[in-house]
Protein backbone atom coordinates (compact mmCIF):
# COMPACT_ATOMS: atom_id res chain seq x y z
CA MET A 1 28.77 51.50 -100.40
CA ALA A 2 29.17 48.73 -97.99
CA LYS A 3 27.01 45.69 -98.34
CA VAL A 4 24.90 44.72 -95.45
CA LEU A 5 24.90 40.99 -95.00
CA ALA A 6 21.64 39.66 -93.57
CA LEU A 7 22.27 36.85 -91.17
CA LYS A 8 19.51 34.29 -90.86
CA LEU A 9 19.18 33.31 -87.25
CA PRO A 10 17.60 29.95 -86.37
CA GLN A 11 13.95 30.41 -85.37
CA THR A 12 12.13 28.48 -82.70
CA LYS A 13 9.57 26.20 -84.25
CA LYS A 14 6.08 26.96 -83.06
CA THR A 15 4.07 24.01 -81.75
CA SER A 16 0.62 23.83 -83.18
CA ALA A 17 -2.39 23.13 -80.98
CA GLU A 18 -2.85 19.74 -82.65
CA GLU A 19 0.75 18.77 -82.02
CA ALA A 20 0.45 19.86 -78.39
CA GLN A 21 -2.49 17.56 -77.89
CA THR A 22 -0.54 14.69 -79.39
CA ILE A 23 2.33 15.28 -76.98
CA VAL A 24 -0.03 15.30 -74.01
CA LYS A 25 -1.66 12.06 -75.17
CA ASN A 26 1.66 10.33 -75.57
CA THR A 27 2.99 11.46 -72.22
CA VAL A 28 2.95 8.61 -69.72
CA VAL A 29 2.01 9.81 -66.26
CA THR A 30 3.14 7.54 -63.46
CA PRO A 31 0.47 7.50 -60.73
CA ALA A 32 1.55 8.09 -57.14
CA VAL A 33 1.75 4.81 -55.22
CA ALA A 34 0.07 4.86 -51.83
CA PRO A 35 2.12 3.38 -48.99
CA ILE A 36 1.17 -0.21 -48.10
CA VAL A 37 -0.31 -0.42 -44.63
CA GLU A 38 -0.44 -3.84 -42.99
CA VAL A 39 -3.88 -4.46 -41.48
CA LYS A 40 -3.71 -6.79 -38.53
CA ALA A 41 -6.66 -8.96 -37.60
CA PRO A 42 -8.23 -7.93 -34.31
CA VAL A 43 -7.07 -10.02 -31.39
CA LYS A 44 -9.98 -11.82 -29.81
CA ALA A 45 -10.11 -11.03 -26.12
CA LYS A 46 -10.01 -14.01 -23.83
CA ALA A 47 -13.34 -14.54 -22.12
CA LYS A 48 -13.23 -13.70 -18.44
CA LEU A 49 -14.79 -15.99 -15.89
CA ASN A 50 -17.63 -14.38 -13.99
CA PHE A 51 -20.72 -15.03 -11.92
CA ALA A 52 -23.83 -12.84 -12.30
CA LYS A 53 -21.68 -10.33 -14.26
CA GLU A 54 -19.14 -10.01 -11.44
CA THR A 55 -15.74 -10.86 -12.91
CA LEU A 56 -13.53 -13.29 -11.07
CA PRO A 57 -10.36 -11.46 -9.89
CA MET A 58 -7.89 -13.76 -11.66
CA ALA A 59 -5.06 -11.29 -11.02
CA ASP A 60 -5.10 -12.65 -7.47
CA ALA A 61 -2.83 -15.71 -7.54
CA ARG A 62 -4.76 -17.42 -4.75
CA VAL A 63 -8.08 -16.97 -6.55
CA LYS A 64 -6.58 -18.18 -9.85
CA LEU A 65 -5.17 -21.34 -8.26
CA LYS A 66 -8.43 -22.08 -6.47
CA MET A 67 -10.47 -21.60 -9.65
CA LYS A 68 -8.14 -23.90 -11.58
CA ARG A 69 -8.54 -26.59 -8.93
CA TYR A 70 -12.35 -26.53 -8.97
CA LEU A 71 -12.53 -26.42 -12.76
CA ALA A 72 -10.42 -29.57 -12.82
CA SER A 73 -12.74 -31.23 -10.30
CA TYR A 74 -15.69 -30.78 -12.69
CA SER A 75 -13.88 -31.91 -15.86
CA TYR A 76 -15.00 -35.10 -17.58
CA ARG A 77 -11.72 -36.70 -16.59
CA LYS A 78 -12.82 -36.32 -12.97
CA THR A 79 -16.60 -36.90 -13.13
CA GLN A 80 -16.60 -39.56 -15.88
CA THR A 81 -20.26 -38.82 -16.60
CA ASN A 82 -22.43 -36.57 -18.78
CA ARG A 83 -25.11 -36.51 -16.11
CA LEU A 84 -24.66 -32.80 -15.39
CA HIS A 85 -25.25 -31.87 -19.02
CA ARG A 86 -28.29 -34.13 -19.30
CA LYS A 87 -29.79 -32.54 -16.19
CA ALA A 88 -29.01 -29.05 -17.48
CA ALA A 89 -30.84 -29.82 -20.74
CA GLU A 90 -33.81 -31.11 -18.74
CA TRP A 91 -33.95 -28.46 -16.00
CA PHE A 92 -32.95 -25.20 -17.71
CA PRO A 93 -36.11 -24.82 -19.84
CA VAL A 94 -38.10 -24.79 -16.58
CA ILE A 95 -35.70 -22.75 -14.45
CA GLU A 96 -34.66 -19.97 -16.86
CA PRO A 97 -38.06 -18.30 -17.43
CA ILE A 98 -38.80 -18.36 -13.69
CA LEU A 99 -35.49 -16.69 -12.87
CA LYS A 100 -36.16 -14.04 -15.51
CA ALA A 101 -39.68 -13.38 -14.22
CA HIS A 102 -38.31 -12.76 -10.71
CA GLY A 103 -35.35 -10.63 -11.78
CA ILE A 104 -32.73 -13.18 -10.75
CA PRO A 105 -29.50 -13.37 -12.82
CA ASN A 106 -29.51 -16.28 -15.24
CA ASP A 107 -26.30 -17.68 -13.72
CA PHE A 108 -28.30 -18.92 -10.73
CA LYS A 109 -29.63 -21.71 -12.93
CA TYR A 110 -26.35 -23.50 -12.21
CA MET A 111 -27.12 -23.62 -8.49
CA PRO A 112 -29.35 -26.74 -8.63
CA LEU A 113 -26.60 -28.50 -10.62
CA VAL A 114 -24.12 -27.76 -7.83
CA GLU A 115 -26.65 -28.57 -5.10
CA SER A 116 -28.10 -31.79 -6.51
CA GLY A 117 -26.71 -32.42 -9.98
CA LEU A 118 -24.40 -35.27 -9.05
CA LYS A 119 -26.36 -36.58 -6.09
CA ASP A 120 -29.99 -37.05 -5.12
CA GLY A 121 -31.71 -37.48 -1.80
CA THR A 122 -31.56 -35.64 1.50
CA SER A 123 -28.40 -34.31 3.13
CA PRO A 124 -27.43 -35.33 6.69
CA LYS A 125 -28.70 -31.91 7.86
CA GLY A 126 -32.10 -32.41 6.22
CA ALA A 127 -31.72 -30.34 3.04
CA SER A 128 -33.48 -31.84 0.05
CA GLY A 129 -34.73 -31.23 -3.47
CA PHE A 130 -33.35 -29.40 -6.48
CA TRP A 131 -32.42 -26.31 -4.45
CA GLN A 132 -31.54 -28.25 -1.28
CA PHE A 133 -33.98 -26.41 0.96
CA MET A 134 -34.05 -27.11 4.67
CA PRO A 135 -37.62 -28.05 5.80
CA GLY A 136 -38.17 -24.85 7.80
CA THR A 137 -36.93 -22.55 5.04
CA ALA A 138 -39.00 -24.42 2.45
CA ARG A 139 -42.18 -23.97 4.49
CA SER A 140 -41.48 -20.29 5.10
CA TYR A 141 -41.38 -19.78 1.34
CA GLY A 142 -44.65 -21.59 0.68
CA LEU A 143 -43.58 -25.16 -0.02
CA LYS A 144 -45.40 -28.10 1.51
CA VAL A 145 -43.12 -30.43 3.41
CA ASN A 146 -44.76 -33.22 5.39
CA GLY A 147 -45.04 -36.98 5.57
CA LYS A 148 -47.10 -37.14 2.36
CA VAL A 149 -45.85 -34.27 0.21
CA ASP A 150 -42.41 -32.72 -0.29
CA GLU A 151 -42.59 -29.86 -2.78
CA ARG A 152 -38.85 -29.33 -2.53
CA LYS A 153 -38.74 -32.08 -5.18
CA ASN A 154 -41.05 -30.15 -7.51
CA LEU A 155 -38.78 -28.25 -9.89
CA ARG A 156 -41.18 -25.45 -10.79
CA LYS A 157 -42.50 -24.78 -7.27
CA SER A 158 -39.12 -25.05 -5.60
CA THR A 159 -37.56 -22.70 -8.17
CA ILE A 160 -40.23 -20.07 -7.46
CA ALA A 161 -39.54 -20.44 -3.73
CA ALA A 162 -35.77 -20.18 -4.36
CA CYS A 163 -36.26 -16.97 -6.37
CA ASN A 164 -38.22 -15.38 -3.52
CA TYR A 165 -35.52 -16.40 -1.07
CA LEU A 166 -32.72 -15.11 -3.34
CA ASN A 167 -34.45 -11.75 -3.74
CA ASP A 168 -34.79 -11.45 0.04
CA LEU A 169 -31.08 -12.17 0.39
CA TYR A 170 -30.27 -9.52 -2.21
CA ASP A 171 -32.24 -6.97 -0.19
CA VAL A 172 -29.86 -7.74 2.69
CA PHE A 173 -26.50 -7.99 0.89
CA GLY A 174 -26.95 -6.02 -2.35
CA ASN A 175 -24.49 -8.24 -4.21
CA TRP A 176 -25.27 -11.46 -6.08
CA THR A 177 -22.00 -13.19 -5.20
CA LEU A 178 -22.67 -12.63 -1.50
CA VAL A 179 -26.25 -13.79 -2.08
CA ALA A 180 -24.95 -17.11 -3.45
CA ALA A 181 -22.62 -17.52 -0.47
CA ALA A 182 -25.40 -16.63 1.99
CA TYR A 183 -27.70 -19.15 0.30
CA ASN A 184 -25.14 -21.80 1.13
CA VAL A 185 -24.26 -20.82 4.70
CA GLY A 186 -27.29 -18.82 5.86
CA ASP A 187 -27.84 -15.08 5.99
CA ASN A 188 -27.18 -14.68 9.72
CA HIS A 189 -23.84 -16.44 9.55
CA MET A 190 -22.84 -14.41 6.47
CA LYS A 191 -23.74 -11.13 8.16
CA LYS A 192 -21.66 -12.08 11.20
CA GLN A 193 -18.64 -12.90 9.04
CA ILE A 194 -18.89 -9.61 7.15
CA SER A 195 -19.10 -7.71 10.43
CA ARG A 196 -16.30 -9.68 12.08
CA GLN A 197 -13.90 -9.48 9.15
CA LYS A 198 -14.91 -5.94 8.14
CA GLN A 199 -14.89 -7.24 4.60
CA ASP A 200 -17.72 -7.76 2.11
CA ASN A 201 -15.69 -8.97 -0.87
CA TYR A 202 -16.41 -12.69 -1.12
CA TYR A 203 -13.06 -13.43 -2.79
CA LYS A 204 -11.14 -11.80 0.06
CA MET A 205 -13.14 -13.27 2.94
CA LYS A 206 -12.08 -16.23 5.07
CA LEU A 207 -15.04 -18.60 5.12
CA ASN A 208 -15.59 -22.25 5.93
CA ARG A 209 -14.45 -24.66 3.23
CA GLU A 210 -17.92 -25.34 1.78
CA THR A 211 -18.97 -21.70 1.55
CA GLY A 212 -15.52 -20.51 0.52
CA SER A 213 -15.67 -22.87 -2.48
CA TYR A 214 -19.35 -22.42 -3.34
CA VAL A 215 -19.09 -19.60 -5.89
CA TYR A 216 -16.05 -21.26 -7.47
CA LYS A 217 -18.18 -24.37 -7.96
CA LEU A 218 -20.96 -22.30 -9.56
CA ILE A 219 -18.49 -20.70 -11.98
CA SER A 220 -16.98 -24.11 -12.75
CA MET A 221 -20.43 -25.54 -13.47
CA LYS A 222 -21.20 -22.61 -15.76
CA GLU A 223 -17.92 -23.09 -17.60
CA ILE A 224 -18.30 -26.84 -18.26
CA VAL A 225 -21.90 -26.43 -19.42
CA LYS A 226 -21.11 -23.50 -21.75
CA ASN A 227 -17.83 -24.97 -23.04
CA PRO A 228 -18.17 -28.76 -22.68
CA SER A 229 -15.57 -29.83 -25.26
CA LYS A 230 -12.95 -27.62 -23.60
CA HIS A 231 -13.29 -29.76 -20.48
CA GLY A 232 -13.53 -33.17 -22.10
CA TYR A 233 -17.31 -33.44 -22.59
CA ARG A 234 -19.19 -34.02 -25.83
CA GLU A 235 -21.05 -31.08 -27.37
CA SER A 236 -24.81 -31.28 -26.83
CA LYS A 237 -27.09 -29.73 -29.46
CA THR A 238 -29.86 -29.55 -26.88
CA LEU A 239 -27.72 -27.50 -24.51
CA LEU A 240 -26.57 -25.04 -27.16
CA ALA A 241 -30.09 -23.59 -27.25
CA PHE A 242 -29.78 -22.51 -23.64
CA ASN A 243 -26.29 -21.04 -23.74
CA ASP A 244 -25.57 -17.30 -23.77
CA LYS A 245 -29.01 -16.24 -22.58
């Protein structure tokens, strides 16, 4: 009878539950690495020059050159005085609340600085005071102008009169830049120029030298008062309280 030889085949070793846990514990899992994203700091937009929230069209080369010229004319290097900043610190606390009460843009506070900031007295045409009112216009807006009294030189009263006049001009032109120009040259003359040129964009109009530069001077005044050190002036702690209102 033939012998049957039993062959022992190798058996797969069973892994116990305990050993399985040990393997899992000893397994090093490499976490997925998130891609590195470079975060760039936001670029601060360059402040745009404006008057009464109407932005100056600096894309126009002629406007840009003209603005640069008038800014230079109001720099400390040119004026050699801090008089404008001293007057601003003195006048603005009186002017600002009156403008606000009458609904006039705050930027009009720079008008007296342009009109009489660097010079006092009466013009050859008879304009006088903080807002350089002509006698007839001053009287029509309630100011006393006679041999004894001249209320054009009263800051509070003349500012109230100026606000009433500016609001009347806005009713005619509907644009604060044109209002500023009309304040300088007169409403009748401004209306004639708009009609003649068929153009009501101040920056595109051809006006006499004084009126054509008037809004540029206002913007320049605003710029040197708000950013004095940029234009060669010393910073004034008093003025900082009235900026950005």
